Amino acid sequence: MHIVEAVLTYRPFGIDENAESIAIGKTAEVSVLRVLRDDLIKKAIDEAIFWEDIDAGIAAMRQAEAEKLIRIFQLILPDEELKGELKLVKGNQEKQRGDRNEKEE
């Protein structure tokens, strides 16, 4: 089993350019990972689009990098992990509601 987590770091600016970054916190919360995944993929695609009119070679490299990033995320954070576990409840809902009303009276 693998663990995918996001780490929030602080990197000082202006005081000491060689200062190490400081880890503030980390999370494996799927909703947070999904937002980060989507943002990283969007930025990679936007980068490829940016280069299309400037340099076709760089655009092709950026497009390949975006596709690679998408494949990596499909492996480590597949969409199945992002779906909620919903269950269909049939039949007994009305009976359960009736039982509750009888208890309250």
PDB file of N, CA and C in Angstrom:
ATOM      1  N   MET A   1       0.840  -1.184   0.000  1.00  0.00           N
ATOM      2  CA  MET A   1       0.000   0.000   0.000  1.00  0.00           C
ATOM      3  C   MET A   1       0.882   1.245   0.000  1.00  0.00           C
ATOM      4  N   HIS A   2       0.414   2.263  -0.678  1.00  0.00           N
ATOM      5  CA  HIS A   2       1.178   3.499  -0.739  1.00  0.00           C
ATOM      6  C   HIS A   2       0.434   4.616  -0.015  1.00  0.00           C
ATOM      7  N   ILE A   3       1.165   5.621   0.357  1.00  0.00           N
ATOM      8  CA  ILE A   3       0.574   6.783   1.004  1.00  0.00           C
ATOM      9  C   ILE A   3       0.947   7.999   0.167  1.00  0.00           C
ATOM     10  N   VAL A   4      -0.052   8.752  -0.195  1.00  0.00           N
ATOM     11  CA  VAL A   4       0.163  10.008  -0.899  1.00  0.00           C
ATOM     12  C   VAL A   4      -0.205  11.103   0.078  1.00  0.00           C
ATOM     13  N   GLU A   5       0.701  12.052   0.267  1.00  0.00           N
ATOM     14  CA  GLU A   5       0.420  13.142   1.178  1.00  0.00           C
ATOM     15  C   GLU A   5       0.989  14.441   0.631  1.00  0.00           C
ATOM     16  N   ALA A   6       0.378  15.533   1.023  1.00  0.00           N
ATOM     17  CA  ALA A   6       0.849  16.860   0.656  1.00  0.00           C
ATOM     18  C   ALA A   6       1.534  17.462   1.877  1.00  0.00           C
ATOM     19  N   VAL A   7       2.632  18.148   1.646  1.00  0.00           N
ATOM     20  CA  VAL A   7       3.382  18.763   2.733  1.00  0.00           C
ATOM     21  C   VAL A   7       3.439  20.267   2.501  1.00  0.00           C
ATOM     22  N   LEU A   8       3.033  21.029   3.506  1.00  0.00           N
ATOM     23  CA  LEU A   8       3.090  22.483   3.458  1.00  0.00           C
ATOM     24  C   LEU A   8       4.415  22.916   4.081  1.00  0.00           C
ATOM     25  N   THR A   9       5.202  23.668   3.308  1.00  0.00           N
ATOM     26  CA  THR A   9       6.505  24.107   3.819  1.00  0.00           C
ATOM     27  C   THR A   9       6.623  25.615   3.779  1.00  0.00           C
ATOM     28  N   TYR A  10       7.442  26.128   4.653  1.00  0.00           N
ATOM     29  CA  TYR A  10       7.763  27.551   4.698  1.00  0.00           C
ATOM     30  C   TYR A  10       9.204  27.709   4.271  1.00  0.00           C
ATOM     31  N   ARG A  11       9.434  28.577   3.309  1.00  0.00           N
ATOM     32  CA  ARG A  11      10.782  28.836   2.835  1.00  0.00           C
ATOM     33  C   ARG A  11      11.074  30.315   3.042  1.00  0.00           C
ATOM     34  N   PRO A  12      11.981  30.668   3.974  1.00  0.00           N
ATOM     35  CA  PRO A  12      12.275  32.074   4.250  1.00  0.00           C
ATOM     36  C   PRO A  12      12.807  32.787   3.007  1.00  0.00           C
ATOM     37  N   PHE A  13      12.399  34.027   2.854  1.00  0.00           N
ATOM     38  CA  PHE A  13      12.842  34.813   1.714  1.00  0.00           C
ATOM     39  C   PHE A  13      13.496  36.096   2.208  1.00  0.00           C
ATOM     40  N   GLY A  14      14.659  36.385   1.686  1.00  0.00           N
ATOM     41  CA  GLY A  14      15.322  37.638   1.994  1.00  0.00           C
ATOM     42  C   GLY A  14      16.278  37.598   3.177  1.00  0.00           C
ATOM     43  N   ILE A  15      16.044  36.730   4.122  1.00  0.00           N
ATOM     44  CA  ILE A  15      16.912  36.670   5.298  1.00  0.00           C
ATOM     45  C   ILE A  15      18.187  35.906   4.954  1.00  0.00           C
ATOM     46  N   ASP A  16      18.024  34.694   4.545  1.00  0.00           N
ATOM     47  CA  ASP A  16      19.154  33.842   4.198  1.00  0.00           C
ATOM     48  C   ASP A  16      18.741  32.991   3.005  1.00  0.00           C
ATOM     49  N   GLU A  17      19.322  33.277   1.855  1.00  0.00           N
ATOM     50  CA  GLU A  17      18.957  32.560   0.629  1.00  0.00           C
ATOM     51  C   GLU A  17      19.236  31.064   0.724  1.00  0.00           C
ATOM     52  N   ASN A  18      20.151  30.646   1.581  1.00  0.00           N
ATOM     53  CA  ASN A  18      20.507  29.239   1.721  1.00  0.00           C
ATOM     54  C   ASN A  18      19.753  28.545   2.856  1.00  0.00           C
ATOM     55  N   ALA A  19      18.823  29.260   3.473  1.00  0.00           N
ATOM     56  CA  ALA A  19      18.076  28.676   4.593  1.00  0.00           C
ATOM     57  C   ALA A  19      17.218  27.519   4.095  1.00  0.00           C
ATOM     58  N   GLU A  20      17.149  26.491   4.903  1.00  0.00           N
ATOM     59  CA  GLU A  20      16.348  25.327   4.545  1.00  0.00           C
ATOM     60  C   GLU A  20      14.868  25.621   4.751  1.00  0.00           C
ATOM     61  N   SER A  21      14.032  24.917   4.000  1.00  0.00           N
ATOM     62  CA  SER A  21      12.593  25.074   4.180  1.00  0.00           C
ATOM     63  C   SER A  21      12.165  24.354   5.457  1.00  0.00           C
ATOM     64  N   ILE A  22      11.076  24.825   6.030  1.00  0.00           N
ATOM     65  CA  ILE A  22      10.567  24.279   7.272  1.00  0.00           C
ATOM     66  C   ILE A  22       9.200  23.651   6.997  1.00  0.00           C
ATOM     67  N   ALA A  23       9.041  22.389   7.341  1.00  0.00           N
ATOM     68  CA  ALA A  23       7.756  21.713   7.165  1.00  0.00           C
ATOM     69  C   ALA A  23       6.794  22.202   8.237  1.00  0.00           C
ATOM     70  N   ILE A  24       5.644  22.704   7.806  1.00  0.00           N
ATOM     71  CA  ILE A  24       4.638  23.208   8.737  1.00  0.00           C
ATOM     72  C   ILE A  24       3.615  22.137   9.060  1.00  0.00           C
ATOM     73  N   GLY A  25       3.237  21.375   8.060  1.00  0.00           N
ATOM     74  CA  GLY A  25       2.243  20.330   8.275  1.00  0.00           C
ATOM     75  C   GLY A  25       2.112  19.447   7.053  1.00  0.00           C
ATOM     76  N   LYS A  26       1.397  18.350   7.216  1.00  0.00           N
ATOM     77  CA  LYS A  26       1.172  17.448   6.093  1.00  0.00           C
ATOM     78  C   LYS A  26      -0.210  16.846   6.222  1.00  0.00           C
ATOM     79  N   THR A  27      -0.749  16.409   5.087  1.00  0.00           N
ATOM     80  CA  THR A  27      -2.068  15.802   5.080  1.00  0.00           C
ATOM     81  C   THR A  27      -2.163  14.748   3.989  1.00  0.00           C
ATOM     82  N   ALA A  28      -2.965  13.755   4.244  1.00  0.00           N
ATOM     83  CA  ALA A  28      -3.275  12.739   3.246  1.00  0.00           C
ATOM     84  C   ALA A  28      -4.765  12.805   2.905  1.00  0.00           C
ATOM     85  N   GLU A  29      -5.414  13.903   3.283  1.00  0.00           N
ATOM     86  CA  GLU A  29      -6.832  14.111   3.010  1.00  0.00           C
ATOM     87  C   GLU A  29      -7.067  14.130   1.503  1.00  0.00           C
ATOM     88  N   VAL A  30      -7.919  13.222   1.038  1.00  0.00           N
ATOM     89  CA  VAL A  30      -8.130  13.021  -0.401  1.00  0.00           C
ATOM     90  C   VAL A  30      -8.641  14.288  -1.077  1.00  0.00           C
ATOM     91  N   SER A  31      -9.513  15.038  -0.420  1.00  0.00           N
ATOM     92  CA  SER A  31     -10.044  16.246  -1.053  1.00  0.00           C
ATOM     93  C   SER A  31      -8.944  17.283  -1.286  1.00  0.00           C
ATOM     94  N   VAL A  32      -8.010  17.385  -0.372  1.00  0.00           N
ATOM     95  CA  VAL A  32      -6.878  18.301  -0.531  1.00  0.00           C
ATOM     96  C   VAL A  32      -5.970  17.813  -1.657  1.00  0.00           C
ATOM     97  N   LEU A  33      -5.698  16.521  -1.681  1.00  0.00           N
ATOM     98  CA  LEU A  33      -4.847  15.955  -2.729  1.00  0.00           C
ATOM     99  C   LEU A  33      -5.482  16.137  -4.098  1.00  0.00           C
ATOM    100  N   ARG A  34      -6.794  16.034  -4.160  1.00  0.00           N
ATOM    101  CA  ARG A  34      -7.484  16.213  -5.440  1.00  0.00           C
ATOM    102  C   ARG A  34      -7.326  17.651  -5.940  1.00  0.00           C
ATOM    103  N   VAL A  35      -7.474  18.618  -5.063  1.00  0.00           N
ATOM    104  CA  VAL A  35      -7.305  20.025  -5.448  1.00  0.00           C
ATOM    105  C   VAL A  35      -5.891  20.268  -5.952  1.00  0.00           C
ATOM    106  N   LEU A  36      -4.905  19.751  -5.230  1.00  0.00           N
ATOM    107  CA  LEU A  36      -3.509  19.916  -5.652  1.00  0.00           C
ATOM    108  C   LEU A  36      -3.252  19.228  -6.985  1.00  0.00           C
ATOM    109  N   ARG A  37      -3.768  18.009  -7.130  1.00  0.00           N
ATOM    110  CA  ARG A  37      -3.599  17.271  -8.382  1.00  0.00           C
ATOM    111  C   ARG A  37      -4.167  18.061  -9.553  1.00  0.00           C
ATOM    112  N   ASP A  38      -5.394  18.530  -9.398  1.00  0.00           N
ATOM    113  CA  ASP A  38      -6.049  19.265 -10.473  1.00  0.00           C
ATOM    114  C   ASP A  38      -5.299  20.541 -10.819  1.00  0.00           C
ATOM    115  N   ASP A  39      -4.810  21.239  -9.804  1.00  0.00           N
ATOM    116  CA  ASP A  39      -4.074  22.480 -10.035  1.00  0.00           C
ATOM    117  C   ASP A  39      -2.747  22.221 -10.752  1.00  0.00           C
ATOM    118  N   LEU A  40      -2.024  21.197 -10.327  1.00  0.00           N
ATOM    119  CA  LEU A  40      -0.747  20.877 -10.961  1.00  0.00           C
ATOM    120  C   LEU A  40      -0.936  20.462 -12.421  1.00  0.00           C
ATOM    121  N   ILE A  41      -1.965  19.691 -12.688  1.00  0.00           N
ATOM    122  CA  ILE A  41      -2.234  19.270 -14.066  1.00  0.00           C
ATOM    123  C   ILE A  41      -2.636  20.474 -14.912  1.00  0.00           C
ATOM    124  N   LYS A  42      -3.482  21.351 -14.376  1.00  0.00           N
ATOM    125  CA  LYS A  42      -3.897  22.545 -15.113  1.00  0.00           C
ATOM    126  C   LYS A  42      -2.698  23.422 -15.448  1.00  0.00           C
ATOM    127  N   LYS A  43      -1.810  23.622 -14.482  1.00  0.00           N
ATOM    128  CA  LYS A  43      -0.625  24.448 -14.728  1.00  0.00           C
ATOM    129  C   LYS A  43       0.284  23.820 -15.782  1.00  0.00           C
ATOM    130  N   ALA A  44       0.423  22.510 -15.766  1.00  0.00           N
ATOM    131  CA  ALA A  44       1.261  21.829 -16.759  1.00  0.00           C
ATOM    132  C   ALA A  44       0.662  21.968 -18.158  1.00  0.00           C
ATOM    133  N   ILE A  45      -0.651  21.840 -18.257  1.00  0.00           N
ATOM    134  CA  ILE A  45      -1.313  22.001 -19.562  1.00  0.00           C
ATOM    135  C   ILE A  45      -1.225  23.448 -20.031  1.00  0.00           C
ATOM    136  N   ASP A  46      -1.447  24.397 -19.120  1.00  0.00           N
ATOM    137  CA  ASP A  46      -1.327  25.817 -19.471  1.00  0.00           C
ATOM    138  C   ASP A  46       0.080  26.161 -19.962  1.00  0.00           C
ATOM    139  N   GLU A  47       1.082  25.564 -19.343  1.00  0.00           N
ATOM    140  CA  GLU A  47       2.468  25.783 -19.758  1.00  0.00           C
ATOM    141  C   GLU A  47       2.685  25.287 -21.191  1.00  0.00           C
ATOM    142  N   ALA A  48       2.147  24.131 -21.516  1.00  0.00           N
ATOM    143  CA  ALA A  48       2.271  23.586 -22.876  1.00  0.00           C
ATOM    144  C   ALA A  48       1.569  24.496 -23.884  1.00  0.00           C
ATOM    145  N   ILE A  49       0.396  24.970 -23.534  1.00  0.00           N
ATOM    146  CA  ILE A  49      -0.362  25.866 -24.421  1.00  0.00           C
ATOM    147  C   ILE A  49       0.396  27.179 -24.626  1.00  0.00           C
ATOM    148  N   PHE A  50       0.986  27.705 -23.565  1.00  0.00           N
ATOM    149  CA  PHE A  50       1.753  28.944 -23.644  1.00  0.00           C
ATOM    150  C   PHE A  50       2.853  28.847 -24.706  1.00  0.00           C
ATOM    151  N   TRP A  51       3.538  27.700 -24.758  1.00  0.00           N
ATOM    152  CA  TRP A  51       4.669  27.541 -25.653  1.00  0.00           C
ATOM    153  C   TRP A  51       4.280  27.209 -27.092  1.00  0.00           C
ATOM    154  N   GLU A  52       3.014  26.872 -27.360  1.00  0.00           N
ATOM    155  CA  GLU A  52       2.610  26.462 -28.706  1.00  0.00           C
ATOM    156  C   GLU A  52       2.963  27.485 -29.783  1.00  0.00           C
ATOM    157  N   ASP A  53       2.688  28.763 -29.530  1.00  0.00           N
ATOM    158  CA  ASP A  53       2.947  29.806 -30.531  1.00  0.00           C
ATOM    159  C   ASP A  53       4.380  30.325 -30.496  1.00  0.00           C
ATOM    160  N   ILE A  54       5.119  29.972 -29.472  1.00  0.00           N
ATOM    161  CA  ILE A  54       6.493  30.485 -29.319  1.00  0.00           C
ATOM    162  C   ILE A  54       7.505  29.505 -29.872  1.00  0.00           C
ATOM    163  N   ASP A  55       7.439  28.258 -29.435  1.00  0.00           N
ATOM    164  CA  ASP A  55       8.408  27.246 -29.846  1.00  0.00           C
ATOM    165  C   ASP A  55       7.734  25.879 -29.820  1.00  0.00           C
ATOM    166  N   ALA A  56       7.551  25.294 -30.992  1.00  0.00           N
ATOM    167  CA  ALA A  56       6.854  24.011 -31.095  1.00  0.00           C
ATOM    168  C   ALA A  56       7.601  22.887 -30.375  1.00  0.00           C
ATOM    169  N   GLY A  57       8.926  22.943 -30.360  1.00  0.00           N
ATOM    170  CA  GLY A  57       9.724  21.920 -29.680  1.00  0.00           C
ATOM    171  C   GLY A  57       9.523  21.942 -28.178  1.00  0.00           C
ATOM    172  N   ILE A  58       9.578  23.137 -27.596  1.00  0.00           N
ATOM    173  CA  ILE A  58       9.355  23.267 -26.154  1.00  0.00           C
ATOM    174  C   ILE A  58       7.913  22.911 -25.827  1.00  0.00           C
ATOM    175  N   ALA A  59       6.975  23.315 -26.689  1.00  0.00           N
ATOM    176  CA  ALA A  59       5.566  22.984 -26.473  1.00  0.00           C
ATOM    177  C   ALA A  59       5.365  21.471 -26.447  1.00  0.00           C
ATOM    178  N   ALA A  60       6.033  20.755 -27.342  1.00  0.00           N
ATOM    179  CA  ALA A  60       5.914  19.295 -27.382  1.00  0.00           C
ATOM    180  C   ALA A  60       6.482  18.669 -26.113  1.00  0.00           C
ATOM    181  N   MET A  61       7.607  19.211 -25.637  1.00  0.00           N
ATOM    182  CA  MET A  61       8.195  18.707 -24.383  1.00  0.00           C
ATOM    183  C   MET A  61       7.254  18.955 -23.207  1.00  0.00           C
ATOM    184  N   ARG A  62       6.688  20.151 -23.141  1.00  0.00           N
ATOM    185  CA  ARG A  62       5.772  20.488 -22.043  1.00  0.00           C
ATOM    186  C   ARG A  62       4.506  19.633 -22.113  1.00  0.00           C
ATOM    187  N   GLN A  63       4.031  19.359 -23.326  1.00  0.00           N
ATOM    188  CA  GLN A  63       2.855  18.502 -23.485  1.00  0.00           C
ATOM    189  C   GLN A  63       3.152  17.090 -22.998  1.00  0.00           C
ATOM    190  N   ALA A  64       4.338  16.590 -23.335  1.00  0.00           N
ATOM    191  CA  ALA A  64       4.739  15.253 -22.873  1.00  0.00           C
ATOM    192  C   ALA A  64       4.852  15.219 -21.349  1.00  0.00           C
ATOM    193  N   GLU A  65       5.384  16.297 -20.760  1.00  0.00           N
ATOM    194  CA  GLU A  65       5.487  16.372 -19.298  1.00  0.00           C
ATOM    195  C   GLU A  65       4.106  16.380 -18.648  1.00  0.00           C
ATOM    196  N   ALA A  66       3.156  17.107 -19.248  1.00  0.00           N
ATOM    197  CA  ALA A  66       1.794  17.154 -18.715  1.00  0.00           C
ATOM    198  C   ALA A  66       1.144  15.767 -18.787  1.00  0.00           C
ATOM    199  N   GLU A  67       1.340  15.084 -19.912  1.00  0.00           N
ATOM    200  CA  GLU A  67       0.773  13.736 -20.062  1.00  0.00           C
ATOM    201  C   GLU A  67       1.396  12.762 -19.065  1.00  0.00           C
ATOM    202  N   LYS A  68       2.693  12.907 -18.843  1.00  0.00           N
ATOM    203  CA  LYS A  68       3.380  12.056 -17.857  1.00  0.00           C
ATOM    204  C   LYS A  68       2.829  12.324 -16.451  1.00  0.00           C
ATOM    205  N   LEU A  69       2.628  13.582 -16.133  1.00  0.00           N
ATOM    206  CA  LEU A  69       2.082  13.953 -14.831  1.00  0.00           C
ATOM    207  C   LEU A  69       0.681  13.363 -14.640  1.00  0.00           C
ATOM    208  N   ILE A  70      -0.127  13.406 -15.677  1.00  0.00           N
ATOM    209  CA  ILE A  70      -1.477  12.835 -15.612  1.00  0.00           C
ATOM    210  C   ILE A  70      -1.401  11.331 -15.358  1.00  0.00           C
ATOM    211  N   ARG A  71      -0.504  10.645 -16.060  1.00  0.00           N
ATOM    212  CA  ARG A  71      -0.361   9.190 -15.866  1.00  0.00           C
ATOM    213  C   ARG A  71       0.115   8.867 -14.454  1.00  0.00           C
ATOM    214  N   ILE A  72       1.038   9.653 -13.937  1.00  0.00           N
ATOM    215  CA  ILE A  72       1.539   9.429 -12.575  1.00  0.00           C
ATOM    216  C   ILE A  72       0.404   9.577 -11.567  1.00  0.00           C
ATOM    217  N   PHE A  73      -0.383  10.640 -11.704  1.00  0.00           N
ATOM    218  CA  PHE A  73      -1.497  10.840 -10.781  1.00  0.00           C
ATOM    219  C   PHE A  73      -2.554   9.749 -10.917  1.00  0.00           C
ATOM    220  N   GLN A  74      -2.737   9.212 -12.119  1.00  0.00           N
ATOM    221  CA  GLN A  74      -3.683   8.109 -12.281  1.00  0.00           C
ATOM    222  C   GLN A  74      -3.227   6.876 -11.510  1.00  0.00           C
ATOM    223  N   LEU A  75      -1.931   6.705 -11.386  1.00  0.00           N
ATOM    224  CA  LEU A  75      -1.400   5.565 -10.633  1.00  0.00           C
ATOM    225  C   LEU A  75      -1.459   5.771  -9.125  1.00  0.00           C
ATOM    226  N   ILE A  76      -1.020   6.938  -8.669  1.00  0.00           N
ATOM    227  CA  ILE A  76      -0.911   7.139  -7.224  1.00  0.00           C
ATOM    228  C   ILE A  76      -2.171   7.704  -6.576  1.00  0.00           C
ATOM    229  N   LEU A  77      -3.038   8.316  -7.369  1.00  0.00           N
ATOM    230  CA  LEU A  77      -4.265   8.890  -6.819  1.00  0.00           C
ATOM    231  C   LEU A  77      -5.396   8.696  -7.829  1.00  0.00           C
ATOM    232  N   PRO A  78      -5.792   7.440  -8.032  1.00  0.00           N
ATOM    233  CA  PRO A  78      -6.836   7.166  -9.026  1.00  0.00           C
ATOM    234  C   PRO A  78      -8.179   7.748  -8.608  1.00  0.00           C
ATOM    235  N   ASP A  79      -9.026   7.980  -9.585  1.00  0.00           N
ATOM    236  CA  ASP A  79     -10.337   8.573  -9.317  1.00  0.00           C
ATOM    237  C   ASP A  79     -11.189   7.718  -8.395  1.00  0.00           C
ATOM    238  N   GLU A  80     -10.994   6.400  -8.388  1.00  0.00           N
ATOM    239  CA  GLU A  80     -11.772   5.532  -7.512  1.00  0.00           C
ATOM    240  C   GLU A  80     -11.586   5.915  -6.054  1.00  0.00           C
ATOM    241  N   GLU A  81     -10.399   6.376  -5.690  1.00  0.00           N
ATOM    242  CA  GLU A  81     -10.156   6.772  -4.303  1.00  0.00           C
ATOM    243  C   GLU A  81     -10.877   8.071  -3.959  1.00  0.00           C
ATOM    244  N   LEU A  82     -11.296   8.814  -4.969  1.00  0.00           N
ATOM    245  CA  LEU A  82     -11.920  10.101  -4.720  1.00  0.00           C
ATOM    246  C   LEU A  82     -13.436  10.019  -4.606  1.00  0.00           C
ATOM    247  N   LYS A  83     -14.013   8.901  -4.981  1.00  0.00           N
ATOM    248  CA  LYS A  83     -15.462   8.761  -4.953  1.00  0.00           C
ATOM    249  C   LYS A  83     -15.917   8.378  -3.551  1.00  0.00           C
ATOM    250  N   GLY A  84     -17.022   8.950  -3.150  1.00  0.00           N
ATOM    251  CA  GLY A  84     -17.576   8.622  -1.852  1.00  0.00           C
ATOM    252  C   GLY A  84     -18.176   7.231  -1.855  1.00  0.00           C
ATOM    253  N   GLU A  85     -18.271   6.646  -0.704  1.00  0.00           N
ATOM    254  CA  GLU A  85     -18.888   5.331  -0.579  1.00  0.00           C
ATOM    255  C   GLU A  85     -20.363   5.526  -0.274  1.00  0.00           C
ATOM    256  N   LEU A  86     -21.179   5.536  -1.325  1.00  0.00           N
ATOM    257  CA  LEU A  86     -22.609   5.729  -1.170  1.00  0.00           C
ATOM    258  C   LEU A  86     -23.315   4.389  -1.228  1.00  0.00           C
ATOM    259  N   LYS A  87     -24.354   4.244  -0.421  1.00  0.00           N
ATOM    260  CA  LYS A  87     -25.131   3.012  -0.411  1.00  0.00           C
ATOM    261  C   LYS A  87     -26.585   3.357  -0.705  1.00  0.00           C
ATOM    262  N   LEU A  88     -27.211   2.556  -1.530  1.00  0.00           N
ATOM    263  CA  LEU A  88     -28.610   2.726  -1.839  1.00  0.00           C
ATOM    264  C   LEU A  88     -29.433   2.026  -0.772  1.00  0.00           C
ATOM    265  N   VAL A  89     -30.318   2.780  -0.137  1.00  0.00           N
ATOM    266  CA  VAL A  89     -31.167   2.226   0.913  1.00  0.00           C
ATOM    267  C   VAL A  89     -32.563   2.097   0.347  1.00  0.00           C
ATOM    268  N   LYS A  90     -33.110   0.897   0.405  1.00  0.00           N
ATOM    269  CA  LYS A  90     -34.448   0.648  -0.134  1.00  0.00           C
ATOM    270  C   LYS A  90     -35.384   0.182   0.970  1.00  0.00           C
ATOM    271  N   GLY A  91     -36.663   0.486   0.794  1.00  0.00           N
ATOM    272  CA  GLY A  91     -37.710  -0.163   1.572  1.00  0.00           C
ATOM    273  C   GLY A  91     -37.926   0.308   2.984  1.00  0.00           C
ATOM    274  N   ASN A  92     -37.041   0.051   3.890  1.00  0.00           N
ATOM    275  CA  ASN A  92     -37.283   0.217   5.317  1.00  0.00           C
ATOM    276  C   ASN A  92     -37.251   1.663   5.795  1.00  0.00           C
ATOM    277  N   GLN A  93     -37.007   2.609   4.930  1.00  0.00           N
ATOM    278  CA  GLN A  93     -36.942   4.000   5.374  1.00  0.00           C
ATOM    279  C   GLN A  93     -38.257   4.449   6.001  1.00  0.00           C
ATOM    280  N   GLU A  94     -39.382   4.146   5.356  1.00  0.00           N
ATOM    281  CA  GLU A  94     -40.679   4.571   5.891  1.00  0.00           C
ATOM    282  C   GLU A  94     -40.964   3.896   7.225  1.00  0.00           C
ATOM    283  N   LYS A  95     -40.640   2.622   7.325  1.00  0.00           N
ATOM    284  CA  LYS A  95     -40.868   1.895   8.571  1.00  0.00           C
ATOM    285  C   LYS A  95     -40.023   2.492   9.693  1.00  0.00           C
ATOM    286  N   GLN A  96     -38.757   2.815   9.387  1.00  0.00           N
ATOM    287  CA  GLN A  96     -37.894   3.383  10.407  1.00  0.00           C
ATOM    288  C   GLN A  96     -38.408   4.743  10.849  1.00  0.00           C
ATOM    289  N   ARG A  97     -38.896   5.555   9.917  1.00  0.00           N
ATOM    290  CA  ARG A  97     -39.456   6.853  10.281  1.00  0.00           C
ATOM    291  C   ARG A  97     -40.675   6.664  11.184  1.00  0.00           C
ATOM    292  N   GLY A  98     -41.521   5.692  10.843  1.00  0.00           N
ATOM    293  CA  GLY A  98     -42.704   5.415  11.654  1.00  0.00           C
ATOM    294  C   GLY A  98     -42.331   4.967  13.045  1.00  0.00           C
ATOM    295  N   ASP A  99     -41.298   4.121  13.168  1.00  0.00           N
ATOM    296  CA  ASP A  99     -40.847   3.661  14.486  1.00  0.00           C
ATOM    297  C   ASP A  99     -40.376   4.814  15.338  1.00  0.00           C
ATOM    298  N   ARG A 100     -39.687   5.779  14.734  1.00  0.00           N
ATOM    299  CA  ARG A 100     -39.193   6.941  15.482  1.00  0.00           C
ATOM    300  C   ARG A 100     -40.367   7.776  15.995  1.00  0.00           C
ATOM    301  N   ASN A 101     -41.367   7.967  15.140  1.00  0.00           N
ATOM    302  CA  ASN A 101     -42.527   8.785  15.544  1.00  0.00           C
ATOM    303  C   ASN A 101     -43.260   8.125  16.703  1.00  0.00           C
ATOM    304  N   GLU A 102     -43.399   6.798  16.690  1.00  0.00           N
ATOM    305  CA  GLU A 102     -44.084   6.102  17.764  1.00  0.00           C
ATOM    306  C   GLU A 102     -43.317   6.252  19.079  1.00  0.00           C
ATOM    307  N   LYS A 103     -41.989   6.226  19.024  1.00  0.00           N
ATOM    308  CA  LYS A 103     -41.171   6.352  20.234  1.00  0.00           C
ATOM    309  C   LYS A 103     -41.287   7.738  20.830  1.00  0.00           C
ATOM    310  N   GLU A 104     -41.389   8.772  19.960  1.00  0.00           N
ATOM    311  CA  GLU A 104     -41.467  10.142  20.448  1.00  0.00           C
ATOM    312  C   GLU A 104     -42.791  10.412  21.149  1.00  0.00           C
ATOM    313  N   GLU A 105     -43.869   9.716  20.735  1.00  0.00           N
ATOM    314  CA  GLU A 105     -45.192   9.958  21.327  1.00  0.00           C
ATOM    315  C   GLU A 105     -45.303   9.305  22.645  1.00  0.00           C
TER     316      GLU A 105
END
